[in-house]
Amino acid sequence: NGVFHNAIVASDDIHIGNEGASRRQIVFHGNVDLGGDARVFNLNQIPTDSDANPVSFAGVISNGGLVKQGESPMIITGINTFEGDTVIEGGELRINSSGSIASSERIILHEDTLLTITNDYELSSGQVLTGAGQVSTRLRIGQGLIEPGMNGVGTLSFDGELLRLDGGAINFDGDS
């Protein structure tokens, strides 16, 4: 297992791979400054079963956007302040009970990806959930918006209760 306590200032994408490793967990306890841009977190540890090789971020992720790639799960346990998009292009992004991506403007799921949130989650004012992946949580649409599909094509599926509160909206045709 790898445990890192120092802060990270990202001036480029972050690639984590561990070819041939078995049952390795990597945990970052320091804060991550994304340097004002969307940063790719390419997580390709092998084997990639759901809990074998997670990469956990316990500190605050700030100042940019997050693009999750690769099949290894990424676990967020910190209250994050980044305001850019959260994009899941591969595998699973898991937000544990103490974690949050509430400041992220858009949450975008590509096909065959998974967003798991262990607590109830409410889309905040102006926050958009879109794409063609799967969401596993009890989701409340507060002042936010759900737009299924990528450019109007695809299925955004939910494993859990979906509640629309006053002010929340679901847009089924992809037009804003």
N, C-alpha and C. Protein backbone atom coordinates (compact mmCIF):
# COMPACT_ATOMS: atom_id res chain seq x y z
N ASN A 1 0.84 -1.19 0.00
CA ASN A 1 0.00 0.00 0.00
C ASN A 1 0.88 1.24 0.00
N GLY A 2 0.43 2.29 -0.68
CA GLY A 2 1.15 3.55 -0.72
C GLY A 2 0.34 4.64 -0.05
N VAL A 3 0.94 5.36 0.88
CA VAL A 3 0.28 6.45 1.57
C VAL A 3 1.14 7.69 1.40
N PHE A 4 0.52 8.79 0.93
CA PHE A 4 1.24 10.02 0.67
C PHE A 4 0.58 11.15 1.47
N HIS A 5 1.37 11.96 2.17
CA HIS A 5 0.84 13.00 3.04
C HIS A 5 1.10 14.40 2.52
N ASN A 6 1.95 14.58 1.54
CA ASN A 6 2.29 15.91 1.05
C ASN A 6 1.24 16.44 0.08
N ALA A 7 1.15 17.76 -0.03
CA ALA A 7 0.26 18.39 -0.99
C ALA A 7 0.80 18.19 -2.40
N ILE A 8 -0.09 18.20 -3.37
CA ILE A 8 0.27 18.06 -4.78
C ILE A 8 -0.20 19.32 -5.51
N VAL A 9 0.67 19.92 -6.29
CA VAL A 9 0.27 21.00 -7.20
C VAL A 9 0.46 20.45 -8.60
N ALA A 10 -0.67 20.25 -9.30
CA ALA A 10 -0.62 19.60 -10.60
C ALA A 10 -0.42 20.62 -11.70
N SER A 11 0.66 20.46 -12.45
CA SER A 11 0.88 21.30 -13.62
C SER A 11 0.64 20.50 -14.89
N ASP A 12 0.27 19.24 -14.72
CA ASP A 12 -0.04 18.35 -15.84
C ASP A 12 -0.97 17.26 -15.31
N ASP A 13 -1.35 16.33 -16.17
CA ASP A 13 -2.23 15.25 -15.78
C ASP A 13 -1.53 14.30 -14.82
N ILE A 14 -2.32 13.54 -14.10
CA ILE A 14 -1.80 12.60 -13.10
C ILE A 14 -2.08 11.19 -13.58
N HIS A 15 -1.03 10.39 -13.76
CA HIS A 15 -1.16 9.00 -14.22
C HIS A 15 -0.66 8.08 -13.11
N ILE A 16 -1.51 7.14 -12.72
CA ILE A 16 -1.13 6.18 -11.69
C ILE A 16 -1.37 4.79 -12.26
N GLY A 17 -0.31 4.03 -12.37
CA GLY A 17 -0.41 2.66 -12.88
C GLY A 17 0.49 1.77 -12.06
N ASN A 18 0.07 0.55 -11.92
CA ASN A 18 0.83 -0.37 -11.10
C ASN A 18 0.75 -1.75 -11.74
N GLU A 19 1.32 -1.89 -12.92
CA GLU A 19 1.27 -3.14 -13.67
C GLU A 19 1.75 -4.30 -12.81
N GLY A 20 0.97 -5.36 -12.82
CA GLY A 20 1.37 -6.58 -12.13
C GLY A 20 1.18 -6.55 -10.63
N ALA A 21 0.65 -5.46 -10.08
CA ALA A 21 0.45 -5.40 -8.64
C ALA A 21 -0.80 -6.16 -8.24
N SER A 22 -0.82 -6.62 -7.02
CA SER A 22 -2.03 -7.26 -6.54
C SER A 22 -2.44 -6.61 -5.22
N ARG A 23 -3.71 -6.26 -5.14
CA ARG A 23 -4.28 -5.69 -3.92
C ARG A 23 -3.47 -4.53 -3.35
N ARG A 24 -3.25 -3.52 -4.17
CA ARG A 24 -2.53 -2.32 -3.75
C ARG A 24 -3.53 -1.19 -3.62
N GLN A 25 -3.45 -0.47 -2.54
CA GLN A 25 -4.27 0.71 -2.36
C GLN A 25 -3.34 1.91 -2.24
N ILE A 26 -3.68 2.99 -2.91
CA ILE A 26 -2.90 4.21 -2.84
C ILE A 26 -3.79 5.28 -2.21
N VAL A 27 -3.27 5.95 -1.18
CA VAL A 27 -4.04 6.97 -0.47
C VAL A 27 -3.24 8.27 -0.45
N PHE A 28 -3.86 9.36 -0.89
CA PHE A 28 -3.27 10.69 -0.84
C PHE A 28 -3.99 11.48 0.26
N HIS A 29 -3.26 11.86 1.29
CA HIS A 29 -3.85 12.63 2.40
C HIS A 29 -3.66 14.13 2.21
N GLY A 30 -2.72 14.54 1.38
CA GLY A 30 -2.47 15.96 1.16
C GLY A 30 -3.50 16.57 0.22
N ASN A 31 -3.56 17.88 0.19
CA ASN A 31 -4.45 18.59 -0.72
C ASN A 31 -3.90 18.53 -2.14
N VAL A 32 -4.80 18.63 -3.12
CA VAL A 32 -4.42 18.61 -4.53
C VAL A 32 -4.90 19.90 -5.18
N ASP A 33 -3.97 20.71 -5.67
CA ASP A 33 -4.28 21.94 -6.39
C ASP A 33 -4.17 21.62 -7.88
N LEU A 34 -5.28 21.73 -8.60
CA LEU A 34 -5.32 21.36 -10.01
C LEU A 34 -4.73 22.42 -10.93
N GLY A 35 -4.23 23.49 -10.40
CA GLY A 35 -3.52 24.49 -11.20
C GLY A 35 -4.39 25.29 -12.14
N GLY A 36 -5.70 25.35 -11.87
CA GLY A 36 -6.59 26.17 -12.68
C GLY A 36 -7.12 25.51 -13.95
N ASP A 37 -6.76 24.26 -14.21
CA ASP A 37 -7.21 23.56 -15.41
C ASP A 37 -7.91 22.26 -15.05
N ALA A 38 -8.59 21.67 -16.03
CA ALA A 38 -9.12 20.32 -15.86
C ALA A 38 -7.95 19.35 -15.94
N ARG A 39 -7.78 18.52 -14.93
CA ARG A 39 -6.66 17.57 -14.87
C ARG A 39 -7.19 16.15 -14.97
N VAL A 40 -6.51 15.36 -15.80
CA VAL A 40 -6.85 13.96 -15.98
C VAL A 40 -6.19 13.15 -14.86
N PHE A 41 -6.97 12.33 -14.19
CA PHE A 41 -6.48 11.34 -13.24
C PHE A 41 -6.65 9.99 -13.93
N ASN A 42 -5.57 9.48 -14.51
CA ASN A 42 -5.61 8.22 -15.25
C ASN A 42 -5.17 7.11 -14.30
N LEU A 43 -6.14 6.31 -13.86
CA LEU A 43 -5.91 5.31 -12.83
C LEU A 43 -6.03 3.92 -13.44
N ASN A 44 -4.91 3.30 -13.72
CA ASN A 44 -4.89 1.98 -14.36
C ASN A 44 -4.04 1.03 -13.57
N GLN A 45 -4.55 0.60 -12.44
CA GLN A 45 -3.87 -0.42 -11.67
C GLN A 45 -4.45 -1.78 -12.08
N ILE A 46 -3.67 -2.81 -11.93
CA ILE A 46 -4.10 -4.15 -12.34
C ILE A 46 -3.88 -5.08 -11.15
N PRO A 47 -4.82 -5.95 -10.77
CA PRO A 47 -6.15 -6.16 -11.35
C PRO A 47 -7.08 -5.00 -11.01
N THR A 48 -8.19 -4.93 -11.70
CA THR A 48 -9.08 -3.78 -11.55
C THR A 48 -10.44 -4.16 -11.00
N ASP A 49 -10.55 -5.25 -10.22
CA ASP A 49 -11.87 -5.53 -9.65
C ASP A 49 -12.24 -4.39 -8.71
N SER A 50 -13.51 -4.28 -8.37
CA SER A 50 -14.06 -3.06 -7.79
C SER A 50 -13.37 -2.55 -6.54
N ASP A 51 -12.82 -3.40 -5.70
CA ASP A 51 -12.21 -2.90 -4.48
C ASP A 51 -10.74 -3.25 -4.34
N ALA A 52 -10.15 -3.88 -5.35
CA ALA A 52 -8.77 -4.35 -5.23
C ALA A 52 -7.77 -3.21 -5.21
N ASN A 53 -7.91 -2.25 -6.08
CA ASN A 53 -6.89 -1.21 -6.25
C ASN A 53 -7.47 0.19 -6.31
N PRO A 54 -8.17 0.61 -5.26
CA PRO A 54 -8.67 1.98 -5.31
C PRO A 54 -7.56 2.98 -5.09
N VAL A 55 -7.76 4.17 -5.61
CA VAL A 55 -6.88 5.30 -5.34
C VAL A 55 -7.74 6.32 -4.61
N SER A 56 -7.36 6.64 -3.37
CA SER A 56 -8.17 7.50 -2.51
C SER A 56 -7.53 8.87 -2.36
N PHE A 57 -8.37 9.90 -2.37
CA PHE A 57 -7.94 11.27 -2.15
C PHE A 57 -8.69 11.80 -0.93
N ALA A 58 -7.98 11.98 0.19
CA ALA A 58 -8.60 12.39 1.44
C ALA A 58 -8.50 13.90 1.66
N GLY A 59 -7.59 14.56 0.97
CA GLY A 59 -7.44 16.01 1.12
C GLY A 59 -8.42 16.76 0.24
N VAL A 60 -8.31 18.07 0.24
CA VAL A 60 -9.16 18.93 -0.57
C VAL A 60 -8.59 19.01 -1.98
N ILE A 61 -9.43 18.77 -2.99
CA ILE A 61 -9.05 18.97 -4.39
C ILE A 61 -9.63 20.32 -4.79
N SER A 62 -8.79 21.22 -5.33
CA SER A 62 -9.23 22.59 -5.59
C SER A 62 -8.68 23.11 -6.91
N ASN A 63 -9.25 24.24 -7.38
CA ASN A 63 -8.67 25.06 -8.43
C ASN A 63 -8.59 24.38 -9.79
N GLY A 64 -9.76 23.96 -10.33
CA GLY A 64 -9.78 23.36 -11.66
C GLY A 64 -10.93 22.40 -11.83
N GLY A 65 -10.73 21.39 -12.67
CA GLY A 65 -11.73 20.37 -12.92
C GLY A 65 -11.06 19.01 -12.88
N LEU A 66 -11.86 17.96 -12.74
CA LEU A 66 -11.35 16.62 -12.57
C LEU A 66 -11.87 15.72 -13.68
N VAL A 67 -10.98 15.02 -14.37
CA VAL A 67 -11.34 14.04 -15.40
C VAL A 67 -10.81 12.70 -14.93
N LYS A 68 -11.71 11.78 -14.61
CA LYS A 68 -11.32 10.46 -14.12
C LYS A 68 -11.29 9.49 -15.29
N GLN A 69 -10.11 8.89 -15.53
CA GLN A 69 -9.95 7.87 -16.58
C GLN A 69 -9.40 6.60 -15.95
N GLY A 70 -9.46 5.51 -16.68
CA GLY A 70 -8.92 4.24 -16.21
C GLY A 70 -9.94 3.45 -15.41
N GLU A 71 -9.68 2.16 -15.30
CA GLU A 71 -10.64 1.27 -14.68
C GLU A 71 -10.55 1.19 -13.16
N SER A 72 -9.43 1.56 -12.56
CA SER A 72 -9.33 1.49 -11.10
C SER A 72 -10.25 2.52 -10.46
N PRO A 73 -10.92 2.15 -9.38
CA PRO A 73 -11.81 3.10 -8.71
C PRO A 73 -11.04 4.28 -8.12
N MET A 74 -11.65 5.46 -8.18
CA MET A 74 -11.12 6.65 -7.52
C MET A 74 -12.09 6.99 -6.41
N ILE A 75 -11.56 7.13 -5.19
CA ILE A 75 -12.40 7.40 -4.03
C ILE A 75 -12.06 8.79 -3.50
N ILE A 76 -13.09 9.61 -3.34
CA ILE A 76 -12.93 10.95 -2.80
C ILE A 76 -13.55 10.98 -1.41
N THR A 77 -12.74 11.36 -0.42
CA THR A 77 -13.24 11.44 0.95
C THR A 77 -13.14 12.85 1.52
N GLY A 78 -12.61 13.79 0.76
CA GLY A 78 -12.47 15.17 1.22
C GLY A 78 -13.60 16.05 0.71
N ILE A 79 -13.81 17.17 1.41
CA ILE A 79 -14.77 18.18 0.98
C ILE A 79 -14.05 19.04 -0.04
N ASN A 80 -14.33 18.84 -1.31
CA ASN A 80 -13.57 19.47 -2.38
C ASN A 80 -14.17 20.80 -2.80
N THR A 81 -13.32 21.68 -3.29
CA THR A 81 -13.77 23.04 -3.63
C THR A 81 -13.60 23.36 -5.10
N PHE A 82 -13.15 22.41 -5.92
CA PHE A 82 -12.96 22.73 -7.34
C PHE A 82 -14.31 23.00 -7.98
N GLU A 83 -14.33 24.01 -8.88
CA GLU A 83 -15.59 24.43 -9.49
C GLU A 83 -15.72 24.01 -10.94
N GLY A 84 -14.68 23.41 -11.50
CA GLY A 84 -14.75 22.92 -12.86
C GLY A 84 -15.58 21.65 -12.93
N ASP A 85 -15.64 21.08 -14.13
CA ASP A 85 -16.42 19.87 -14.34
C ASP A 85 -15.80 18.67 -13.66
N THR A 86 -16.64 17.72 -13.28
CA THR A 86 -16.22 16.39 -12.87
C THR A 86 -16.62 15.47 -14.01
N VAL A 87 -15.64 14.90 -14.70
CA VAL A 87 -15.91 14.06 -15.87
C VAL A 87 -15.42 12.64 -15.57
N ILE A 88 -16.30 11.66 -15.74
CA ILE A 88 -15.93 10.26 -15.53
C ILE A 88 -15.89 9.60 -16.90
N GLU A 89 -14.67 9.33 -17.39
CA GLU A 89 -14.49 8.73 -18.71
C GLU A 89 -14.22 7.24 -18.63
N GLY A 90 -13.89 6.73 -17.45
CA GLY A 90 -13.62 5.31 -17.29
C GLY A 90 -13.76 4.89 -15.84
N GLY A 91 -14.29 3.69 -15.61
CA GLY A 91 -14.36 3.13 -14.28
C GLY A 91 -15.34 3.82 -13.37
N GLU A 92 -15.00 3.84 -12.08
CA GLU A 92 -15.89 4.35 -11.04
C GLU A 92 -15.27 5.50 -10.29
N LEU A 93 -16.08 6.53 -10.03
CA LEU A 93 -15.74 7.59 -9.10
C LEU A 93 -16.66 7.40 -7.90
N ARG A 94 -16.06 7.21 -6.73
CA ARG A 94 -16.82 6.94 -5.52
C ARG A 94 -16.61 8.10 -4.55
N ILE A 95 -17.73 8.70 -4.11
CA ILE A 95 -17.70 9.78 -3.14
C ILE A 95 -18.16 9.19 -1.82
N ASN A 96 -17.24 9.06 -0.86
CA ASN A 96 -17.60 8.48 0.43
C ASN A 96 -18.35 9.48 1.29
N SER A 97 -18.86 9.02 2.41
CA SER A 97 -19.76 9.82 3.26
C SER A 97 -19.18 11.17 3.67
N SER A 98 -17.88 11.27 3.83
CA SER A 98 -17.28 12.54 4.23
C SER A 98 -16.87 13.39 3.03
N GLY A 99 -16.97 12.86 1.81
CA GLY A 99 -16.53 13.57 0.62
C GLY A 99 -17.63 14.38 -0.05
N SER A 100 -17.21 15.28 -0.95
CA SER A 100 -18.19 16.11 -1.65
C SER A 100 -17.59 16.65 -2.95
N ILE A 101 -18.44 16.75 -3.96
CA ILE A 101 -18.12 17.45 -5.20
C ILE A 101 -19.18 18.50 -5.49
N ALA A 102 -19.78 19.04 -4.42
CA ALA A 102 -20.90 19.97 -4.54
C ALA A 102 -20.54 21.26 -5.27
N SER A 103 -19.27 21.63 -5.30
CA SER A 103 -18.86 22.87 -5.99
C SER A 103 -18.66 22.66 -7.49
N SER A 104 -18.58 21.43 -7.92
CA SER A 104 -18.36 21.13 -9.34
C SER A 104 -19.58 21.55 -10.16
N GLU A 105 -19.32 22.32 -11.22
CA GLU A 105 -20.42 22.87 -12.02
C GLU A 105 -21.21 21.79 -12.76
N ARG A 106 -20.49 20.86 -13.40
CA ARG A 106 -21.16 19.79 -14.15
C ARG A 106 -20.53 18.45 -13.78
N ILE A 107 -21.37 17.43 -13.68
CA ILE A 107 -20.92 16.06 -13.47
C ILE A 107 -21.30 15.31 -14.74
N ILE A 108 -20.29 14.82 -15.46
CA ILE A 108 -20.50 14.20 -16.78
C ILE A 108 -20.05 12.75 -16.72
N LEU A 109 -20.95 11.83 -17.01
CA LEU A 109 -20.64 10.40 -17.01
C LEU A 109 -20.63 9.89 -18.45
N HIS A 110 -19.52 9.29 -18.85
CA HIS A 110 -19.45 8.65 -20.16
C HIS A 110 -20.06 7.25 -20.06
N GLU A 111 -20.32 6.65 -21.20
CA GLU A 111 -20.93 5.32 -21.25
C GLU A 111 -20.10 4.31 -20.47
N ASP A 112 -20.79 3.40 -19.78
CA ASP A 112 -20.16 2.32 -18.99
C ASP A 112 -19.32 2.83 -17.83
N THR A 113 -19.68 3.97 -17.27
CA THR A 113 -19.00 4.48 -16.08
C THR A 113 -19.98 4.50 -14.91
N LEU A 114 -19.43 4.68 -13.72
CA LEU A 114 -20.25 4.63 -12.51
C LEU A 114 -19.85 5.75 -11.56
N LEU A 115 -20.86 6.46 -11.08
CA LEU A 115 -20.70 7.44 -10.00
C LEU A 115 -21.43 6.87 -8.79
N THR A 116 -20.67 6.57 -7.73
CA THR A 116 -21.26 6.05 -6.50
C THR A 116 -21.07 7.09 -5.41
N ILE A 117 -22.18 7.46 -4.76
CA ILE A 117 -22.13 8.40 -3.65
C ILE A 117 -22.77 7.70 -2.46
N THR A 118 -22.00 7.51 -1.38
CA THR A 118 -22.47 6.68 -0.27
C THR A 118 -23.56 7.36 0.56
N ASN A 119 -23.61 8.67 0.58
CA ASN A 119 -24.69 9.40 1.26
C ASN A 119 -25.70 9.89 0.24
N ASP A 120 -26.83 10.40 0.74
CA ASP A 120 -27.76 11.09 -0.14
C ASP A 120 -27.01 12.26 -0.77
N TYR A 121 -27.38 12.62 -2.00
CA TYR A 121 -26.71 13.72 -2.68
C TYR A 121 -27.76 14.65 -3.26
N GLU A 122 -27.54 15.94 -3.13
CA GLU A 122 -28.45 16.91 -3.71
C GLU A 122 -27.71 17.76 -4.74
N LEU A 123 -28.25 17.80 -5.96
CA LEU A 123 -27.68 18.70 -6.97
C LEU A 123 -27.96 20.12 -6.54
N SER A 124 -26.91 20.89 -6.40
CA SER A 124 -27.04 22.25 -5.89
C SER A 124 -27.41 23.21 -7.03
N SER A 125 -27.64 24.45 -6.67
CA SER A 125 -28.04 25.47 -7.62
C SER A 125 -27.04 25.58 -8.77
N GLY A 126 -27.53 25.42 -9.99
CA GLY A 126 -26.70 25.53 -11.18
C GLY A 126 -25.91 24.28 -11.52
N GLN A 127 -25.93 23.26 -10.66
CA GLN A 127 -25.17 22.04 -10.92
C GLN A 127 -25.95 21.15 -11.89
N VAL A 128 -25.23 20.58 -12.88
CA VAL A 128 -25.84 19.74 -13.91
C VAL A 128 -25.23 18.35 -13.85
N LEU A 129 -26.09 17.33 -13.88
CA LEU A 129 -25.67 15.94 -13.99
C LEU A 129 -26.10 15.46 -15.37
N THR A 130 -25.13 14.99 -16.16
CA THR A 130 -25.42 14.62 -17.54
C THR A 130 -24.58 13.42 -17.95
N GLY A 131 -24.96 12.80 -19.05
CA GLY A 131 -24.15 11.73 -19.60
C GLY A 131 -24.90 10.45 -19.84
N ALA A 132 -24.12 9.36 -19.91
CA ALA A 132 -24.67 8.06 -20.29
C ALA A 132 -24.17 6.94 -19.40
N GLY A 133 -23.88 7.23 -18.15
CA GLY A 133 -23.38 6.22 -17.23
C GLY A 133 -24.43 5.87 -16.20
N GLN A 134 -23.97 5.35 -15.07
CA GLN A 134 -24.86 4.93 -13.99
C GLN A 134 -24.53 5.71 -12.73
N VAL A 135 -25.59 6.11 -12.01
CA VAL A 135 -25.46 6.83 -10.76
C VAL A 135 -26.05 5.96 -9.66
N SER A 136 -25.26 5.72 -8.61
CA SER A 136 -25.71 4.89 -7.51
C SER A 136 -25.74 5.74 -6.24
N THR A 137 -26.91 6.22 -5.87
CA THR A 137 -27.12 7.02 -4.66
C THR A 137 -28.59 7.35 -4.56
N ARG A 138 -28.98 7.94 -3.46
CA ARG A 138 -30.30 8.57 -3.34
C ARG A 138 -30.09 10.01 -3.76
N LEU A 139 -30.60 10.38 -4.91
CA LEU A 139 -30.31 11.68 -5.51
C LEU A 139 -31.51 12.60 -5.40
N ARG A 140 -31.25 13.79 -4.85
CA ARG A 140 -32.27 14.83 -4.79
C ARG A 140 -31.88 15.91 -5.79
N ILE A 141 -32.83 16.29 -6.63
CA ILE A 141 -32.58 17.36 -7.59
C ILE A 141 -33.09 18.63 -6.94
N GLY A 142 -32.19 19.35 -6.27
CA GLY A 142 -32.56 20.59 -5.59
C GLY A 142 -32.77 21.69 -6.63
N GLN A 143 -31.84 22.59 -6.73
CA GLN A 143 -31.89 23.66 -7.74
C GLN A 143 -31.08 23.26 -8.97
N GLY A 144 -30.71 21.99 -9.07
CA GLY A 144 -29.89 21.51 -10.17
C GLY A 144 -30.71 20.97 -11.33
N LEU A 145 -29.99 20.38 -12.29
CA LEU A 145 -30.59 19.90 -13.54
C LEU A 145 -29.99 18.55 -13.91
N ILE A 146 -30.84 17.63 -14.36
CA ILE A 146 -30.37 16.37 -14.93
C ILE A 146 -30.66 16.39 -16.42
N GLU A 147 -29.64 16.11 -17.23
CA GLU A 147 -29.77 16.01 -18.69
C GLU A 147 -29.21 14.66 -19.13
N PRO A 148 -30.08 13.64 -19.25
CA PRO A 148 -29.59 12.32 -19.67
C PRO A 148 -29.01 12.36 -21.09
N GLY A 149 -28.01 11.51 -21.32
CA GLY A 149 -27.42 11.36 -22.65
C GLY A 149 -26.23 12.27 -22.87
N MET A 150 -25.44 11.89 -23.88
CA MET A 150 -24.31 12.69 -24.32
C MET A 150 -24.73 13.31 -25.65
N ASN A 151 -24.89 14.62 -25.66
CA ASN A 151 -25.42 15.31 -26.84
C ASN A 151 -26.77 14.73 -27.24
N GLY A 152 -27.59 14.43 -26.22
CA GLY A 152 -28.94 13.92 -26.47
C GLY A 152 -29.01 12.43 -26.75
N VAL A 153 -27.89 11.70 -26.73
CA VAL A 153 -27.89 10.27 -27.04
C VAL A 153 -27.33 9.50 -25.85
N GLY A 154 -28.00 8.42 -25.47
CA GLY A 154 -27.49 7.57 -24.40
C GLY A 154 -28.42 7.53 -23.22
N THR A 155 -28.10 6.65 -22.29
CA THR A 155 -28.95 6.43 -21.13
C THR A 155 -28.18 6.75 -19.85
N LEU A 156 -28.75 7.59 -19.05
CA LEU A 156 -28.24 7.87 -17.72
C LEU A 156 -29.14 7.10 -16.77
N SER A 157 -28.57 6.10 -16.10
CA SER A 157 -29.40 5.24 -15.25
C SER A 157 -29.10 5.50 -13.78
N PHE A 158 -30.09 5.16 -12.94
CA PHE A 158 -30.01 5.44 -11.51
C PHE A 158 -30.30 4.18 -10.72
N ASP A 159 -29.42 3.91 -9.76
CA ASP A 159 -29.60 2.81 -8.83
C ASP A 159 -29.80 3.46 -7.47
N GLY A 160 -31.03 3.75 -7.15
CA GLY A 160 -31.35 4.48 -5.92
C GLY A 160 -32.53 5.39 -6.20
N GLU A 161 -33.01 6.02 -5.16
CA GLU A 161 -34.18 6.87 -5.26
C GLU A 161 -33.81 8.19 -5.93
N LEU A 162 -34.70 8.68 -6.79
CA LEU A 162 -34.52 9.95 -7.49
C LEU A 162 -35.66 10.86 -7.08
N LEU A 163 -35.35 11.98 -6.44
CA LEU A 163 -36.35 12.91 -5.94
C LEU A 163 -36.15 14.27 -6.59
N ARG A 164 -37.21 14.81 -7.18
CA ARG A 164 -37.15 16.17 -7.73
C ARG A 164 -37.79 17.11 -6.72
N LEU A 165 -36.99 18.05 -6.23
CA LEU A 165 -37.48 19.05 -5.28
C LEU A 165 -37.89 20.30 -6.04
N ASP A 166 -38.56 21.22 -5.36
CA ASP A 166 -38.93 22.49 -5.99
C ASP A 166 -37.70 23.16 -6.58
N GLY A 167 -37.77 23.54 -7.84
CA GLY A 167 -36.67 24.23 -8.50
C GLY A 167 -35.78 23.30 -9.30
N GLY A 168 -35.82 22.00 -9.02
CA GLY A 168 -35.00 21.04 -9.77
C GLY A 168 -35.67 20.68 -11.09
N ALA A 169 -34.88 20.25 -12.06
CA ALA A 169 -35.43 19.95 -13.38
C ALA A 169 -34.74 18.76 -14.01
N ILE A 170 -35.49 18.06 -14.86
CA ILE A 170 -34.93 16.99 -15.69
C ILE A 170 -35.24 17.36 -17.12
N ASN A 171 -34.21 17.43 -17.95
CA ASN A 171 -34.35 17.81 -19.36
C ASN A 171 -34.09 16.57 -20.21
N PHE A 172 -35.14 16.01 -20.81
CA PHE A 172 -35.01 14.75 -21.54
C PHE A 172 -34.57 14.90 -23.00
N ASP A 173 -34.57 16.09 -23.55
CA ASP A 173 -34.24 16.22 -24.96
C ASP A 173 -32.84 16.77 -25.21
N GLY A 174 -32.12 17.11 -24.17
CA GLY A 174 -30.75 17.60 -24.35
C GLY A 174 -30.65 19.07 -24.66
N ASP A 175 -31.76 19.74 -24.89
CA ASP A 175 -31.74 21.19 -25.14
C ASP A 175 -31.83 21.93 -23.83
N SER A 176 -31.07 22.99 -23.67
CA SER A 176 -31.13 23.75 -22.43
C SER A 176 -32.07 24.92 -22.58
